[in-house]
Protein backbone atom coordinates (compact mmCIF):
# COMPACT_ATOMS: atom_id res chain seq x y z
CA MET A 1 66.61 119.49 93.94
CA LEU A 2 65.08 121.01 90.81
CA ASP A 3 64.34 119.08 87.62
CA LEU A 4 64.07 121.56 84.74
CA ALA A 5 64.88 118.97 82.08
CA THR A 6 62.50 117.33 79.62
CA MET A 7 62.08 113.92 78.04
CA LEU A 8 64.35 111.24 79.52
CA ALA A 9 68.03 111.59 80.43
CA GLY A 10 67.79 114.56 82.80
CA PRO A 11 64.39 113.78 84.32
CA TYR A 12 65.23 110.11 84.89
CA GLY A 13 68.46 111.07 86.64
CA ALA A 14 66.37 113.26 88.96
CA THR A 15 64.00 110.33 89.45
CA LEU A 16 66.83 108.09 90.65
CA LEU A 17 67.84 110.74 93.18
CA GLY A 18 64.21 110.96 94.23
CA ASP A 19 64.21 107.19 94.75
CA LEU A 20 67.12 107.69 97.14
CA GLY A 21 65.18 110.26 99.17
CA ALA A 22 65.79 113.63 97.52
CA ASP A 23 62.93 116.14 97.52
CA VAL A 24 62.68 116.55 93.75
CA ILE A 25 60.65 119.45 92.37
CA LYS A 26 59.83 119.29 88.68
CA VAL A 27 59.57 122.78 87.18
CA GLU A 28 57.53 122.93 83.97
CA SER A 29 56.15 125.51 81.59
CA HIS A 30 52.46 125.71 80.81
CA PHE A 31 53.13 123.33 77.90
CA GLY A 32 54.86 120.89 80.21
CA ASP A 33 57.59 118.33 79.76
CA ASP A 34 57.57 117.03 76.18
CA SER A 35 57.02 113.52 77.52
CA ARG A 36 53.57 114.63 78.73
CA HIS A 37 52.54 114.54 75.08
CA LEU A 38 53.98 111.13 74.10
CA GLY A 39 52.79 107.57 74.42
CA PRO A 40 49.42 105.95 75.10
CA GLU A 41 46.91 108.15 76.93
CA ARG A 42 44.66 107.41 79.89
CA ASP A 43 42.32 110.12 81.21
CA GLY A 44 44.57 112.88 79.91
CA GLU A 45 47.80 111.41 81.30
CA ARG A 46 50.47 110.01 78.97
CA THR A 47 52.48 106.92 79.78
CA ALA A 48 55.86 108.35 78.73
CA PHE A 49 55.71 110.96 81.50
CA LEU A 50 54.25 108.53 84.04
CA GLY A 51 57.05 106.06 83.48
CA LEU A 52 59.85 108.58 84.03
CA ASN A 53 58.79 110.95 86.79
CA ARG A 54 57.99 109.13 90.00
CA ASN A 55 59.00 110.63 93.37
CA LYS A 56 58.58 114.28 92.32
CA ARG A 57 56.41 117.25 93.15
CA GLY A 58 55.40 119.45 90.22
CA ILE A 59 55.17 123.21 89.81
CA VAL A 60 54.26 125.23 86.71
CA LEU A 61 56.07 128.56 86.24
CA ASP A 62 56.29 130.70 83.12
CA LEU A 63 59.92 131.80 83.44
CA GLN A 64 59.45 134.35 80.67
CA ARG A 65 57.50 136.44 83.22
CA GLU A 66 59.28 138.52 85.84
CA SER A 67 56.94 137.51 88.67
CA ALA A 68 57.58 133.82 87.89
CA ARG A 69 61.35 134.41 87.85
CA SER A 70 61.05 136.02 91.29
CA ALA A 71 59.31 132.93 92.61
CA PHE A 72 61.91 130.75 90.93
CA ALA A 73 64.69 132.76 92.58
CA ARG A 74 63.18 131.95 95.98
CA LEU A 75 63.04 128.31 94.98
CA LEU A 76 66.70 128.40 93.94
CA GLY A 77 67.64 129.64 97.38
CA THR A 78 66.45 126.32 98.81
CA THR A 79 68.06 124.16 96.12
CA ASP A 80 71.12 121.91 96.28
CA ILE A 81 71.02 120.45 92.76
CA LEU A 82 69.58 121.75 89.49
CA ILE A 83 69.28 119.62 86.35
CA THR A 84 68.53 121.15 82.96
CA ASN A 85 68.77 120.28 79.28
CA VAL A 86 67.65 123.69 77.97
CA ARG A 87 69.86 124.80 75.08
CA GLU A 88 71.30 128.23 74.46
CA PRO A 89 70.18 130.91 73.85
CA ALA A 90 67.02 129.96 75.77
CA LEU A 91 69.13 128.85 78.74
CA SER A 92 70.51 132.34 79.33
CA ARG A 93 67.29 134.10 78.36
CA LEU A 94 65.44 132.18 81.08
CA GLU A 95 68.33 132.92 83.51
CA LEU A 96 69.09 129.23 84.00
CA GLY A 97 72.83 129.29 83.17
CA TYR A 98 75.29 128.25 85.85
CA GLU A 99 76.60 131.74 86.63
CA GLN A 100 73.06 133.14 86.65
CA VAL A 101 71.82 130.49 89.04
CA CYS A 102 74.82 130.96 91.34
CA ARG A 103 73.62 134.49 92.11
CA HIS A 104 70.79 132.93 94.08
CA ARG A 105 72.61 129.86 95.45
CA PRO A 106 76.42 130.16 95.21
CA ASP A 107 77.11 126.56 96.23
CA ILE A 108 74.57 124.99 93.89
CA ILE A 109 75.40 121.85 91.92
CA TRP A 110 74.34 122.60 88.34
CA ILE A 111 74.02 119.72 85.87
CA GLY A 112 73.58 120.45 82.18
CA VAL A 113 72.66 117.59 79.86
CA THR A 114 73.26 118.04 76.13
CA ALA A 115 73.21 115.74 73.14
CA PHE A 116 76.84 116.15 72.03
CA GLY A 117 78.67 118.37 74.51
CA ALA A 118 78.44 121.81 76.10
CA ASP A 119 81.02 123.20 73.67
CA GLY A 120 82.92 122.05 70.60
CA PRO A 121 81.93 121.64 66.95
CA TYR A 122 78.50 120.09 67.65
CA ALA A 123 77.57 122.28 70.62
CA GLY A 124 74.07 123.68 70.44
CA ARG A 125 72.76 121.10 68.00
CA PRO A 126 69.49 119.39 68.93
CA GLY A 127 69.83 115.69 69.54
CA ILE A 128 68.22 112.58 70.98
CA ASP A 129 69.17 108.97 71.70
CA PHE A 130 68.82 107.90 68.03
CA LEU A 131 71.33 110.50 66.83
CA ALA A 132 73.85 109.55 69.52
CA GLN A 133 73.60 105.95 68.28
CA GLY A 134 74.60 107.18 64.84
CA PHE A 135 77.52 109.35 65.95
CA ALA A 136 78.95 106.79 68.39
CA GLY A 137 78.86 103.83 66.01
CA LEU A 138 76.13 101.80 67.69
CA LEU A 139 73.85 101.85 64.64
CA ALA A 140 76.66 100.47 62.49
CA LEU A 141 77.24 97.64 64.97
CA ASN A 142 73.60 96.65 65.52
CA GLY A 143 71.71 94.37 63.15
CA GLU A 144 72.23 91.26 61.07
CA PRO A 145 75.59 90.88 59.25
CA ASP A 146 74.01 91.11 55.80
CA GLY A 147 71.31 93.61 56.78
CA ASP A 148 71.00 97.31 57.38
CA PRO A 149 71.97 99.12 60.60
CA VAL A 150 69.19 98.85 63.22
CA ARG A 151 68.30 101.28 65.98
CA VAL A 152 68.33 99.97 69.54
CA THR A 153 64.68 100.62 70.35
CA VAL A 154 65.03 100.86 74.13
CA PRO A 155 66.43 104.36 74.90
CA LEU A 156 69.53 102.93 76.51
CA VAL A 157 71.68 106.00 75.77
CA ASP A 158 69.24 108.22 77.65
CA VAL A 159 69.06 105.78 80.53
CA MET A 160 72.85 105.48 80.74
CA THR A 161 73.10 109.27 80.78
CA SER A 162 70.55 109.41 83.60
CA LEU A 163 72.82 107.16 85.65
CA LEU A 164 75.70 109.57 85.04
CA VAL A 165 73.43 112.44 86.15
CA SER A 166 72.72 110.80 89.49
CA THR A 167 76.29 109.57 89.99
CA SER A 168 77.86 112.95 89.30
CA ALA A 169 75.30 114.71 91.52
CA LEU A 170 76.17 112.45 94.45
CA ALA A 171 79.91 112.90 93.84
CA ALA A 172 79.50 116.69 93.76
CA LEU A 173 77.44 116.64 96.97
CA HIS A 174 80.19 114.64 98.65
CA ALA A 175 82.84 117.09 97.42
CA ARG A 176 80.76 120.05 98.62
CA SER A 177 80.47 118.55 102.09
CA SER A 178 84.22 119.04 102.56
CA SER A 179 84.96 122.07 100.36
CA GLY A 180 81.74 124.04 100.77
CA ARG A 181 81.73 124.68 97.03
CA GLY A 182 79.24 123.61 94.42
CA GLN A 183 80.16 123.13 90.80
CA ARG A 184 79.03 122.93 87.19
CA ILE A 185 78.68 119.49 85.62
CA ASP A 186 78.29 118.89 81.88
CA LEU A 187 77.07 115.53 80.57
CA SER A 188 76.12 114.38 77.09
CA LEU A 189 74.41 111.47 75.40
CA LEU A 190 77.36 111.14 73.01
CA ASP A 191 79.91 110.77 75.80
CA ALA A 192 77.71 108.26 77.64
CA LEU A 193 77.52 106.01 74.59
CA VAL A 194 81.20 106.32 73.67
CA HIS A 195 81.92 105.31 77.26
CA ALA A 196 79.64 102.28 76.85
CA GLN A 197 81.31 101.32 73.57
CA THR A 198 84.60 100.58 75.31
CA SER A 199 84.93 97.08 73.84
CA ALA A 200 84.33 98.00 70.21
CA ILE A 201 86.16 101.33 70.26
CA GLY A 202 88.97 99.86 72.37
CA GLY A 203 89.37 97.03 69.89
CA TYR A 204 89.85 99.54 67.11
CA LEU A 205 92.19 101.84 69.05
CA VAL A 206 94.42 99.03 70.33
CA ALA A 207 94.27 96.41 67.60
CA GLY A 208 92.86 98.24 64.58
CA GLU A 209 89.86 95.92 64.51
CA VAL A 210 86.55 97.19 63.17
CA ALA A 211 83.89 95.12 64.93
CA PRO A 212 81.39 93.54 62.51
CA ARG A 213 77.62 93.33 62.90
CA THR A 214 76.83 89.90 64.30
CA GLY A 215 73.08 89.96 64.90
CA ASN A 216 72.29 87.68 67.84
CA ARG A 217 75.62 85.91 67.59
CA SER A 218 78.80 86.83 69.42
CA GLN A 219 81.95 87.96 67.70
CA TYR A 220 84.10 86.02 70.16
CA PHE A 221 82.38 82.72 70.99
CA ALA A 222 79.74 80.21 69.87
CA PRO A 223 77.04 79.11 70.24
CA SER A 224 75.23 82.31 71.11
CA GLY A 225 71.81 83.23 69.82
CA ILE A 226 68.03 82.93 69.98
CA TYR A 227 66.56 79.49 69.38
CA PRO A 228 62.86 78.68 68.66
CA CYS A 229 61.06 75.96 70.59
CA SER A 230 58.30 73.56 69.56
CA ASP A 231 55.49 75.67 71.09
CA GLY A 232 56.42 78.92 69.34
CA GLY A 233 58.44 80.34 72.24
CA SER A 234 62.15 81.08 72.03
CA VAL A 235 65.14 81.03 74.36
CA VAL A 236 68.46 82.77 74.55
CA ILE A 237 71.47 80.48 74.91
CA THR A 238 75.05 81.72 75.09
CA CYS A 239 78.32 79.98 75.90
CA PRO A 240 81.21 82.43 76.49
CA SER A 241 83.54 79.78 77.91
CA GLU A 242 84.42 76.11 77.68
CA LYS A 243 82.71 75.52 81.02
CA PHE A 244 79.34 76.74 79.85
CA PHE A 245 79.55 74.92 76.52
CA ARG A 246 80.14 71.63 78.35
CA LYS A 247 77.22 72.38 80.66
CA LEU A 248 75.00 72.95 77.62
CA CYS A 249 76.08 69.63 76.11
CA ALA A 250 75.42 67.81 79.39
CA SER A 251 71.99 69.39 79.80
CA LEU A 252 70.93 68.38 76.29
CA ASP A 253 72.68 64.98 76.54
CA VAL A 254 74.69 65.50 73.35
CA GLY A 255 78.31 64.70 72.52
CA TRP A 256 79.23 67.97 70.82
CA ALA A 257 82.05 68.70 73.28
CA ASP A 258 83.96 65.72 71.85
CA ASP A 259 83.28 66.61 68.23
CA PRO A 260 86.53 67.82 66.60
CA ARG A 261 84.64 70.74 65.05
CA PHE A 262 83.61 72.07 68.47
CA ARG A 263 86.45 71.22 70.87
CA THR A 264 87.71 74.80 71.30
CA ILE A 265 86.19 78.28 71.17
CA GLU A 266 88.08 78.98 67.96
CA ARG A 267 86.77 75.82 66.29
CA ARG A 268 83.23 76.51 67.44
CA LEU A 269 83.42 79.97 65.90
CA ALA A 270 84.74 78.52 62.65
CA HIS A 271 81.84 76.03 62.56
CA ALA A 272 79.18 78.29 64.08
CA ASP A 273 76.62 77.56 61.34
CA GLU A 274 76.84 73.81 61.87
CA LEU A 275 76.68 74.16 65.65
CA ASP A 276 73.68 76.49 65.42
CA ASP A 277 71.86 74.01 63.17
CA LEU A 278 72.36 71.25 65.73
CA LEU A 279 71.27 73.44 68.62
CA ARG A 280 68.18 74.68 66.77
CA GLU A 281 67.18 71.09 66.07
CA CYS A 282 67.42 70.22 69.78
CA CYS A 283 65.47 73.29 70.91
CA ALA A 284 62.78 72.86 68.26
CA ALA A 285 62.01 69.38 69.64
CA MET A 286 60.88 70.71 73.06
CA PRO A 287 58.38 73.25 74.41
CA ARG A 288 60.03 76.27 75.98
CA GLU A 289 59.23 75.56 79.62
CA ARG A 290 60.60 72.03 79.42
CA LEU A 291 63.75 73.21 77.66
CA MET A 292 64.26 76.05 80.15
CA ALA A 293 63.88 73.63 83.06
CA LYS A 294 66.61 71.37 81.66
CA LEU A 295 68.97 74.27 80.94
CA VAL A 296 68.45 75.99 84.29
CA ALA A 297 68.98 72.68 86.11
CA GLY A 298 72.25 72.32 84.18
CA ASP A 299 73.47 75.84 85.12
CA VAL A 300 73.45 76.94 81.48
CA LEU A 301 73.40 80.62 80.53
CA THR A 302 69.83 80.91 79.25
CA ALA A 303 66.76 83.12 79.32
CA PRO A 304 63.31 83.15 77.74
CA VAL A 305 62.52 85.70 75.04
CA ASN A 306 59.75 87.36 77.03
CA GLU A 307 56.99 89.58 75.70
CA LEU A 308 56.08 92.59 77.86
CA PRO A 309 53.15 90.80 79.56
CA ASP A 310 55.61 88.07 80.56
CA VAL A 311 58.02 90.66 81.92
CA VAL A 312 55.57 92.27 84.34
CA ARG A 313 54.53 88.82 85.61
CA ASP A 314 58.07 87.48 85.93
CA PRO A 315 58.58 86.18 89.49
CA GLN A 316 62.13 87.52 89.83
CA ILE A 317 61.16 90.97 88.58
CA ARG A 318 58.26 90.99 91.03
CA HIS A 319 60.49 89.74 93.84
CA ASN A 320 62.99 92.53 93.12
CA GLY A 321 60.26 95.14 93.55
CA MET A 322 60.61 96.33 89.97
CA ILE A 323 56.84 96.74 89.60
CA ALA A 324 55.58 99.27 92.12
CA SER A 325 52.10 100.54 92.94
CA VAL A 326 51.27 104.16 93.80
CA GLU A 327 48.18 106.35 94.09
CA HIS A 328 47.98 108.87 91.25
CA ALA A 329 46.06 112.11 91.80
CA ARG A 330 43.96 111.63 88.67
CA LEU A 331 44.21 107.96 87.74
CA GLY A 332 43.97 106.37 91.18
CA PRO A 333 46.07 103.23 91.79
CA ILE A 334 48.63 102.68 89.04
CA SER A 335 51.63 100.41 88.56
CA LEU A 336 55.04 101.75 87.53
CA THR A 337 58.53 100.38 87.19
CA GLY A 338 60.26 100.40 90.57
CA THR A 339 63.70 101.50 91.62
CA PRO A 340 66.74 99.36 90.79
CA LEU A 341 68.64 100.79 93.79
CA HIS A 342 68.59 98.27 96.63
CA LEU A 343 70.33 99.89 99.59
CA HIS A 344 69.89 97.90 102.79
CA GLY A 345 70.73 100.63 105.28
CA THR A 346 68.86 103.51 103.61
CA PRO A 347 66.43 101.81 101.22
CA ALA A 348 65.31 103.57 98.08
CA SER A 349 61.57 103.54 97.44
CA VAL A 350 58.76 104.71 95.19
CA ARG A 351 56.91 107.14 97.47
CA ARG A 352 55.14 109.48 95.07
CA ALA A 353 53.24 109.02 91.84
CA PRO A 354 54.34 111.23 88.94
CA PRO A 355 52.72 114.64 89.44
CA VAL A 356 49.75 115.89 87.49
CA HIS A 357 50.77 119.00 85.55
CA GLY A 358 50.94 121.77 88.16
CA GLN A 359 49.76 119.51 90.97
CA HIS A 360 51.95 121.03 93.69
CA THR A 361 52.21 124.64 92.48
CA SER A 362 50.14 126.10 95.31
CA GLU A 363 51.77 123.87 97.92
CA LEU A 364 55.30 124.81 96.87
CA LEU A 365 54.61 128.51 96.53
CA GLY A 366 53.11 128.40 99.99
CA GLU A 367 56.30 126.80 101.32
CA LEU A 368 58.22 129.70 99.74
CA GLY A 369 56.18 132.22 101.73
CA TYR A 370 53.52 133.24 99.22
CA SER A 371 50.07 133.94 100.62
CA ALA A 372 46.93 132.41 99.15
CA ASP A 373 46.05 135.75 97.54
CA GLU A 374 49.54 136.10 96.04
CA ILE A 375 49.36 132.57 94.65
CA ALA A 376 45.96 133.27 93.13
CA SER A 377 47.36 136.44 91.54
CA LEU A 378 50.31 134.55 90.00
CA VAL A 379 47.94 131.94 88.59
CA ARG A 380 45.51 134.56 87.29
CA ASP A 381 48.34 136.45 85.56
CA GLY A 382 49.70 133.30 83.94
CA ALA A 383 53.01 133.37 85.81
CA ALA A 384 52.12 130.09 87.53
CA GLY A 385 49.80 127.21 86.71
CA VAL A 386 47.84 124.77 88.81
CA ALA A 387 46.43 121.37 87.96
CA ALA A 388 43.01 121.21 86.35
CA PRO A 389 40.37 119.62 88.63
């Protein structure tokens, strides 16, 4: 499959398919994926690209040159899936549109990722995760009740869209296995987030309710929040049902379950401030590890508020294989996030480090039938690029 997308949603969808065993070829210009220029740098490599592009081989082609387009046409002939987020008119000018690509591989599965949709009133506009959060109402919902809207800093919209990229690719492959036909697939960040907002948007459509900003609290139950401990750490505690509230009370050895103010979910919501004050007082009297031990032993819904160094050391995250080690062509051994796909019959894996810019250009052109002299000519003319030593 070919990854012609940049930044996150498209490339990360290709990465997930690479985790599952696909031979993913990342096609870049001489400038490279925009993520190659973002984030902390180590020996010329940027962390944003490293974090998103495992399990790929990389080739550099200048698709504005005829000789590069000829090489790309050969590559298309071997391709099952193509992912792009190039906007018009550049998409057609580079001959990457669905109908253009089908001339070289009629049964190709073509996936186009846009910010707001392939057509319609916002079609063609540039967009990223932050803008989708604004359009889909997430900014208005996120933050403290008396504060300003707050951006969700993790690019969850991009990541959700990447899951749709991989899911739709697999569905289209399955359909092609019986029909023999490929297809065009259009995905957008906006649709992915509207899909994820089913509770809030559904509440408005069905009941006319406009969900308020609640900060770390829940709109539907209490207690639910972040509570500081005596050693400066904090924990998350949430009680979405009577069962878990009673477990919390038992773990902390308090009689709140029998207090008339807290006997039902509705009463706990009405007296959320008082309940939070009591819970904060209990948590503030203990160091985090001791409190966590009591809550976990009592089967309470709880978690530590981990900093990133805590995350990469977390025993469950390590056990799940979510920190993986690979050998990078320039950096040597590096650690990356692993794959979340745990198939027992056909396991997903992290097999390749993210490619250095142009790392596999010569290798891939050779597989397409180009001689060493022809490859050297393409590189010399600027139609192709190879990795710097």
